[in-house]
Amino acid sequence: MIAKFLTWDYPIRILSVFTSRSRGTWRQWPPQHFALLADICYQHGYKIFLTGTEEEKPLTETVGNLTKSPHINLAGKTNLGALGVLISNASLQISNCTGVSHMAAALKTPSIVISMDGEPERWAPLDTSIHKTTN
């Protein structure tokens, strides 16, 4: 289902950002799913950037180890401002329903939000023309 969103008609800047963690583990999409999606995005010409906090680094390293695609792991290496610059220059943001999904909405960066909390309609970005939410 998510792969169909990769064909959106937006200028390609070949940059994609993945964030792999939410506060509750029950709200986290499995790392192997992010890795598979990274491989699909790479095949569509995206550069893969894994992002997260220093505490999330083991999780982004797991995603990085599972993906077959070249990627840059920025976990623990960005502050909020740098993360905002990265997201604002991305052509696509894919993440769990967490803070960066709201940053993408505010910055008008097309996004796919994976909502595992059972309330995607409650937390989804309002502009459904550039933001897609799935569970």
N, C-alpha and C. Protein backbone atom coordinates (compact mmCIF):
# COMPACT_ATOMS: atom_id res chain seq x y z
N MET A 1 0.82 -1.19 0.00
CA MET A 1 0.00 0.00 0.00
C MET A 1 0.86 1.26 0.00
N ILE A 2 1.92 1.31 0.80
CA ILE A 2 2.73 2.52 0.90
C ILE A 2 3.47 2.80 -0.40
N ALA A 3 3.89 1.77 -1.10
CA ALA A 3 4.66 1.97 -2.33
C ALA A 3 3.91 2.82 -3.35
N LYS A 4 2.58 2.77 -3.37
CA LYS A 4 1.83 3.57 -4.35
C LYS A 4 1.99 5.07 -4.10
N PHE A 5 2.30 5.47 -2.87
CA PHE A 5 2.50 6.88 -2.57
C PHE A 5 3.81 7.41 -3.12
N LEU A 6 4.74 6.52 -3.47
CA LEU A 6 6.04 6.94 -3.97
C LEU A 6 5.96 7.54 -5.36
N THR A 7 4.83 7.43 -6.01
CA THR A 7 4.68 7.96 -7.37
C THR A 7 4.02 9.34 -7.38
N TRP A 8 3.89 9.98 -6.21
CA TRP A 8 3.32 11.33 -6.20
C TRP A 8 4.09 12.21 -7.16
N ASP A 9 3.38 13.14 -7.79
CA ASP A 9 3.99 14.01 -8.79
C ASP A 9 4.54 15.28 -8.13
N TYR A 10 5.70 15.15 -7.49
CA TYR A 10 6.38 16.28 -6.86
C TYR A 10 7.77 16.38 -7.46
N PRO A 11 8.33 17.60 -7.45
CA PRO A 11 9.70 17.72 -7.92
C PRO A 11 10.60 16.78 -7.11
N ILE A 12 11.42 16.03 -7.78
CA ILE A 12 12.27 15.06 -7.10
C ILE A 12 13.53 15.76 -6.59
N ARG A 13 13.72 15.72 -5.31
CA ARG A 13 14.95 16.21 -4.70
C ARG A 13 15.74 15.03 -4.14
N ILE A 14 15.28 13.84 -4.45
CA ILE A 14 15.86 12.56 -4.06
C ILE A 14 16.41 12.54 -2.64
N LEU A 15 15.60 12.96 -1.72
CA LEU A 15 15.98 12.90 -0.31
C LEU A 15 14.79 12.37 0.47
N SER A 16 15.01 11.39 1.26
CA SER A 16 13.94 10.81 2.05
C SER A 16 14.40 10.65 3.48
N VAL A 17 13.55 10.94 4.43
CA VAL A 17 13.90 10.89 5.84
C VAL A 17 13.04 9.83 6.52
N PHE A 18 13.66 8.98 7.29
CA PHE A 18 12.93 7.97 8.07
C PHE A 18 13.20 8.20 9.54
N THR A 19 12.20 8.11 10.33
CA THR A 19 12.38 8.14 11.78
C THR A 19 11.73 6.89 12.31
N SER A 20 12.42 6.18 13.14
CA SER A 20 11.97 4.84 13.46
C SER A 20 11.37 4.65 14.85
N ARG A 21 11.17 5.68 15.62
CA ARG A 21 10.74 5.43 16.98
C ARG A 21 9.60 6.35 17.41
N SER A 22 8.72 5.82 18.21
CA SER A 22 7.71 6.56 18.97
C SER A 22 7.97 6.25 20.43
N ARG A 23 7.39 7.02 21.33
CA ARG A 23 7.61 6.78 22.76
C ARG A 23 7.20 5.38 23.20
N GLY A 24 6.03 4.95 22.83
CA GLY A 24 5.57 3.62 23.22
C GLY A 24 5.98 2.59 22.18
N THR A 25 6.61 1.49 22.61
CA THR A 25 7.04 0.48 21.65
C THR A 25 5.86 -0.09 20.87
N TRP A 26 4.68 -0.10 21.47
CA TRP A 26 3.49 -0.61 20.78
C TRP A 26 3.08 0.31 19.64
N ARG A 27 3.61 1.54 19.62
CA ARG A 27 3.30 2.50 18.55
C ARG A 27 4.37 2.51 17.47
N GLN A 28 5.39 1.65 17.59
CA GLN A 28 6.50 1.65 16.64
C GLN A 28 6.29 0.63 15.54
N TRP A 29 6.48 1.07 14.34
CA TRP A 29 6.48 0.15 13.20
C TRP A 29 7.76 -0.66 13.30
N PRO A 30 7.74 -1.94 13.01
CA PRO A 30 8.94 -2.78 13.16
C PRO A 30 10.11 -2.30 12.28
N PRO A 31 11.33 -2.39 12.82
CA PRO A 31 12.51 -1.95 12.06
C PRO A 31 12.64 -2.63 10.70
N GLN A 32 12.28 -3.91 10.61
CA GLN A 32 12.41 -4.60 9.32
C GLN A 32 11.48 -4.01 8.28
N HIS A 33 10.35 -3.44 8.70
CA HIS A 33 9.44 -2.79 7.75
C HIS A 33 10.06 -1.49 7.24
N PHE A 34 10.68 -0.71 8.15
CA PHE A 34 11.36 0.51 7.71
C PHE A 34 12.50 0.17 6.76
N ALA A 35 13.23 -0.90 7.04
CA ALA A 35 14.35 -1.30 6.18
C ALA A 35 13.85 -1.68 4.79
N LEU A 36 12.77 -2.44 4.73
CA LEU A 36 12.21 -2.82 3.43
C LEU A 36 11.73 -1.59 2.67
N LEU A 37 11.08 -0.68 3.37
CA LEU A 37 10.61 0.55 2.74
C LEU A 37 11.79 1.41 2.27
N ALA A 38 12.87 1.43 3.04
CA ALA A 38 14.08 2.15 2.60
C ALA A 38 14.58 1.57 1.29
N ASP A 39 14.58 0.25 1.17
CA ASP A 39 15.03 -0.39 -0.07
C ASP A 39 14.12 -0.02 -1.25
N ILE A 40 12.82 0.01 -1.01
CA ILE A 40 11.88 0.39 -2.07
C ILE A 40 12.11 1.85 -2.48
N CYS A 41 12.26 2.72 -1.50
CA CYS A 41 12.49 4.13 -1.80
C CYS A 41 13.80 4.32 -2.56
N TYR A 42 14.83 3.61 -2.16
CA TYR A 42 16.12 3.71 -2.85
C TYR A 42 15.98 3.29 -4.31
N GLN A 43 15.21 2.25 -4.56
CA GLN A 43 14.98 1.80 -5.93
C GLN A 43 14.24 2.85 -6.75
N HIS A 44 13.52 3.76 -6.07
CA HIS A 44 12.81 4.85 -6.74
C HIS A 44 13.65 6.13 -6.79
N GLY A 45 14.93 6.03 -6.45
CA GLY A 45 15.82 7.18 -6.59
C GLY A 45 15.99 8.05 -5.37
N TYR A 46 15.50 7.63 -4.24
CA TYR A 46 15.64 8.42 -3.02
C TYR A 46 16.97 8.14 -2.33
N LYS A 47 17.54 9.15 -1.72
CA LYS A 47 18.66 8.98 -0.80
C LYS A 47 18.04 8.75 0.57
N ILE A 48 18.59 7.85 1.33
CA ILE A 48 17.99 7.43 2.59
C ILE A 48 18.75 8.05 3.76
N PHE A 49 18.00 8.76 4.61
CA PHE A 49 18.54 9.32 5.84
C PHE A 49 17.74 8.77 7.01
N LEU A 50 18.42 8.17 7.96
CA LEU A 50 17.78 7.68 9.17
C LEU A 50 18.00 8.74 10.25
N THR A 51 16.94 9.09 10.95
CA THR A 51 17.07 10.14 11.96
C THR A 51 16.52 9.66 13.29
N GLY A 52 16.96 10.28 14.34
CA GLY A 52 16.49 9.97 15.68
C GLY A 52 17.41 10.61 16.70
N THR A 53 17.08 10.43 17.94
CA THR A 53 17.90 10.96 19.03
C THR A 53 19.05 10.00 19.32
N GLU A 54 19.94 10.41 20.19
CA GLU A 54 21.04 9.53 20.61
C GLU A 54 20.50 8.24 21.21
N GLU A 55 19.42 8.34 21.99
CA GLU A 55 18.82 7.15 22.61
C GLU A 55 18.20 6.22 21.57
N GLU A 56 17.84 6.76 20.42
CA GLU A 56 17.22 5.96 19.35
C GLU A 56 18.26 5.35 18.40
N LYS A 57 19.52 5.68 18.61
CA LYS A 57 20.58 5.21 17.72
C LYS A 57 20.60 3.68 17.56
N PRO A 58 20.44 2.89 18.63
CA PRO A 58 20.42 1.44 18.42
C PRO A 58 19.29 1.00 17.47
N LEU A 59 18.17 1.69 17.53
CA LEU A 59 17.05 1.36 16.64
C LEU A 59 17.36 1.74 15.19
N THR A 60 17.94 2.92 14.98
CA THR A 60 18.27 3.31 13.61
C THR A 60 19.42 2.45 13.07
N GLU A 61 20.33 2.02 13.95
CA GLU A 61 21.39 1.10 13.51
C GLU A 61 20.79 -0.25 13.09
N THR A 62 19.77 -0.70 13.80
CA THR A 62 19.08 -1.94 13.41
C THR A 62 18.47 -1.79 12.03
N VAL A 63 17.77 -0.67 11.80
CA VAL A 63 17.19 -0.42 10.48
C VAL A 63 18.30 -0.40 9.43
N GLY A 64 19.39 0.31 9.74
CA GLY A 64 20.51 0.40 8.81
C GLY A 64 21.12 -0.96 8.49
N ASN A 65 21.22 -1.82 9.49
CA ASN A 65 21.78 -3.16 9.28
C ASN A 65 20.84 -4.04 8.46
N LEU A 66 19.54 -3.78 8.54
CA LEU A 66 18.56 -4.60 7.83
C LEU A 66 18.36 -4.15 6.38
N THR A 67 18.62 -2.88 6.09
CA THR A 67 18.41 -2.40 4.72
C THR A 67 19.59 -2.81 3.84
N LYS A 68 19.29 -3.03 2.58
CA LYS A 68 20.33 -3.36 1.61
C LYS A 68 20.82 -2.10 0.90
N SER A 69 20.21 -0.97 1.20
CA SER A 69 20.47 0.27 0.48
C SER A 69 21.48 1.15 1.21
N PRO A 70 22.26 1.92 0.45
CA PRO A 70 23.14 2.91 1.08
C PRO A 70 22.28 3.92 1.84
N HIS A 71 22.78 4.37 2.97
CA HIS A 71 22.02 5.31 3.80
C HIS A 71 22.98 6.08 4.69
N ILE A 72 22.47 7.15 5.24
CA ILE A 72 23.22 7.95 6.21
C ILE A 72 22.42 7.93 7.51
N ASN A 73 23.06 7.50 8.58
CA ASN A 73 22.41 7.45 9.88
C ASN A 73 22.78 8.71 10.65
N LEU A 74 21.81 9.60 10.82
CA LEU A 74 22.02 10.86 11.53
C LEU A 74 21.53 10.83 12.97
N ALA A 75 21.16 9.67 13.46
CA ALA A 75 20.65 9.58 14.83
C ALA A 75 21.67 10.13 15.82
N GLY A 76 21.22 11.05 16.66
CA GLY A 76 22.08 11.66 17.66
C GLY A 76 23.02 12.71 17.13
N LYS A 77 22.95 13.02 15.83
CA LYS A 77 23.89 13.96 15.22
C LYS A 77 23.24 15.27 14.81
N THR A 78 21.93 15.40 15.04
CA THR A 78 21.25 16.64 14.65
C THR A 78 20.56 17.26 15.85
N ASN A 79 20.44 18.56 15.83
CA ASN A 79 19.58 19.22 16.80
C ASN A 79 18.25 19.49 16.12
N LEU A 80 17.32 20.09 16.82
CA LEU A 80 15.98 20.31 16.26
C LEU A 80 16.02 21.19 15.02
N GLY A 81 16.88 22.21 15.02
CA GLY A 81 16.99 23.09 13.86
C GLY A 81 17.52 22.36 12.63
N ALA A 82 18.57 21.57 12.82
CA ALA A 82 19.14 20.80 11.70
C ALA A 82 18.14 19.78 11.18
N LEU A 83 17.39 19.16 12.08
CA LEU A 83 16.36 18.21 11.65
C LEU A 83 15.29 18.93 10.83
N GLY A 84 14.93 20.15 11.24
CA GLY A 84 13.97 20.93 10.48
C GLY A 84 14.46 21.25 9.08
N VAL A 85 15.74 21.60 8.96
CA VAL A 85 16.33 21.88 7.64
C VAL A 85 16.30 20.61 6.79
N LEU A 86 16.65 19.49 7.37
CA LEU A 86 16.64 18.22 6.63
C LEU A 86 15.24 17.90 6.14
N ILE A 87 14.26 17.99 7.02
CA ILE A 87 12.88 17.68 6.64
C ILE A 87 12.35 18.67 5.61
N SER A 88 12.67 19.95 5.77
CA SER A 88 12.17 20.94 4.81
C SER A 88 12.75 20.75 3.42
N ASN A 89 13.92 20.12 3.32
CA ASN A 89 14.54 19.86 2.03
C ASN A 89 14.25 18.46 1.50
N ALA A 90 13.51 17.68 2.26
CA ALA A 90 13.18 16.32 1.82
C ALA A 90 12.03 16.35 0.83
N SER A 91 12.03 15.41 -0.08
CA SER A 91 10.89 15.28 -0.97
C SER A 91 9.85 14.34 -0.37
N LEU A 92 10.23 13.62 0.68
CA LEU A 92 9.29 12.71 1.35
C LEU A 92 9.79 12.40 2.74
N GLN A 93 8.91 12.43 3.71
CA GLN A 93 9.19 12.06 5.10
C GLN A 93 8.34 10.84 5.43
N ILE A 94 8.96 9.79 5.93
CA ILE A 94 8.21 8.60 6.34
C ILE A 94 8.56 8.35 7.80
N SER A 95 7.54 8.24 8.64
CA SER A 95 7.82 8.04 10.06
C SER A 95 6.63 7.45 10.79
N ASN A 96 6.91 7.00 12.01
CA ASN A 96 5.82 6.69 12.91
C ASN A 96 5.10 8.00 13.22
N CYS A 97 3.98 7.90 13.88
CA CYS A 97 3.24 9.09 14.32
C CYS A 97 3.96 9.65 15.54
N THR A 98 4.86 10.58 15.28
CA THR A 98 5.70 11.16 16.32
C THR A 98 6.02 12.60 15.94
N GLY A 99 6.86 13.25 16.71
CA GLY A 99 7.14 14.67 16.50
C GLY A 99 7.54 15.05 15.10
N VAL A 100 8.38 14.24 14.45
CA VAL A 100 8.83 14.60 13.11
C VAL A 100 7.70 14.56 12.09
N SER A 101 6.67 13.76 12.35
CA SER A 101 5.53 13.76 11.42
C SER A 101 4.82 15.11 11.49
N HIS A 102 4.78 15.70 12.66
CA HIS A 102 4.16 17.02 12.81
C HIS A 102 5.05 18.11 12.22
N MET A 103 6.38 17.91 12.31
CA MET A 103 7.30 18.86 11.67
C MET A 103 7.10 18.84 10.16
N ALA A 104 6.97 17.66 9.58
CA ALA A 104 6.76 17.55 8.14
C ALA A 104 5.48 18.27 7.73
N ALA A 105 4.44 18.11 8.53
CA ALA A 105 3.17 18.79 8.24
C ALA A 105 3.36 20.31 8.29
N ALA A 106 4.03 20.79 9.32
CA ALA A 106 4.24 22.23 9.47
C ALA A 106 5.11 22.79 8.34
N LEU A 107 6.08 22.00 7.89
CA LEU A 107 7.01 22.44 6.84
C LEU A 107 6.50 22.13 5.43
N LYS A 108 5.31 21.53 5.35
CA LYS A 108 4.68 21.18 4.07
C LYS A 108 5.54 20.22 3.24
N THR A 109 6.23 19.32 3.93
CA THR A 109 6.99 18.25 3.28
C THR A 109 6.07 17.05 3.13
N PRO A 110 5.87 16.55 1.93
CA PRO A 110 5.01 15.37 1.77
C PRO A 110 5.45 14.25 2.71
N SER A 111 4.45 13.57 3.28
CA SER A 111 4.80 12.56 4.27
C SER A 111 3.85 11.37 4.24
N ILE A 112 4.40 10.28 4.75
CA ILE A 112 3.61 9.09 5.05
C ILE A 112 3.78 8.86 6.54
N VAL A 113 2.68 8.87 7.25
CA VAL A 113 2.70 8.69 8.70
C VAL A 113 2.12 7.31 9.02
N ILE A 114 2.90 6.51 9.72
CA ILE A 114 2.44 5.18 10.10
C ILE A 114 1.92 5.28 11.53
N SER A 115 0.62 5.18 11.65
CA SER A 115 -0.04 5.36 12.94
C SER A 115 -0.42 4.00 13.50
N MET A 116 0.24 3.61 14.57
CA MET A 116 -0.02 2.31 15.18
C MET A 116 -0.90 2.43 16.42
N ASP A 117 -1.37 3.63 16.73
CA ASP A 117 -2.12 3.83 17.98
C ASP A 117 -3.62 3.63 17.83
N GLY A 118 -4.09 3.33 16.63
CA GLY A 118 -5.52 3.09 16.43
C GLY A 118 -6.34 4.34 16.25
N GLU A 119 -5.70 5.50 16.26
CA GLU A 119 -6.42 6.76 16.08
C GLU A 119 -5.78 7.63 14.99
N PRO A 120 -5.58 7.08 13.79
CA PRO A 120 -4.91 7.89 12.77
C PRO A 120 -5.67 9.16 12.41
N GLU A 121 -6.98 9.11 12.46
CA GLU A 121 -7.76 10.31 12.12
C GLU A 121 -7.60 11.41 13.15
N ARG A 122 -7.24 11.06 14.36
CA ARG A 122 -7.07 12.06 15.42
C ARG A 122 -5.76 12.84 15.27
N TRP A 123 -4.69 12.15 14.89
CA TRP A 123 -3.37 12.77 14.87
C TRP A 123 -2.83 13.03 13.47
N ALA A 124 -3.53 12.63 12.45
CA ALA A 124 -3.03 12.76 11.07
C ALA A 124 -2.92 14.22 10.66
N PRO A 125 -1.93 14.52 9.81
CA PRO A 125 -1.85 15.88 9.25
C PRO A 125 -3.13 16.20 8.48
N LEU A 126 -3.54 17.44 8.51
CA LEU A 126 -4.81 17.84 7.91
C LEU A 126 -4.79 17.89 6.39
N ASP A 127 -3.65 18.23 5.81
CA ASP A 127 -3.57 18.37 4.36
C ASP A 127 -3.35 17.00 3.72
N THR A 128 -4.43 16.33 3.39
CA THR A 128 -4.33 14.98 2.85
C THR A 128 -3.86 14.95 1.40
N SER A 129 -3.68 16.11 0.78
CA SER A 129 -3.16 16.11 -0.59
C SER A 129 -1.66 15.80 -0.60
N ILE A 130 -0.94 16.10 0.49
CA ILE A 130 0.49 15.80 0.53
C ILE A 130 0.88 14.89 1.69
N HIS A 131 -0.06 14.59 2.58
CA HIS A 131 0.24 13.73 3.72
C HIS A 131 -0.72 12.54 3.71
N LYS A 132 -0.16 11.36 3.82
CA LYS A 132 -0.96 10.14 3.88
C LYS A 132 -0.69 9.46 5.22
N THR A 133 -1.75 9.00 5.85
CA THR A 133 -1.63 8.29 7.12
C THR A 133 -2.17 6.88 6.94
N THR A 134 -1.42 5.94 7.45
CA THR A 134 -1.84 4.54 7.35
C THR A 134 -1.55 3.85 8.68
N ASN A 135 -2.21 2.72 8.90
CA ASN A 135 -1.92 1.96 10.11
C ASN A 135 -1.68 0.51 9.80
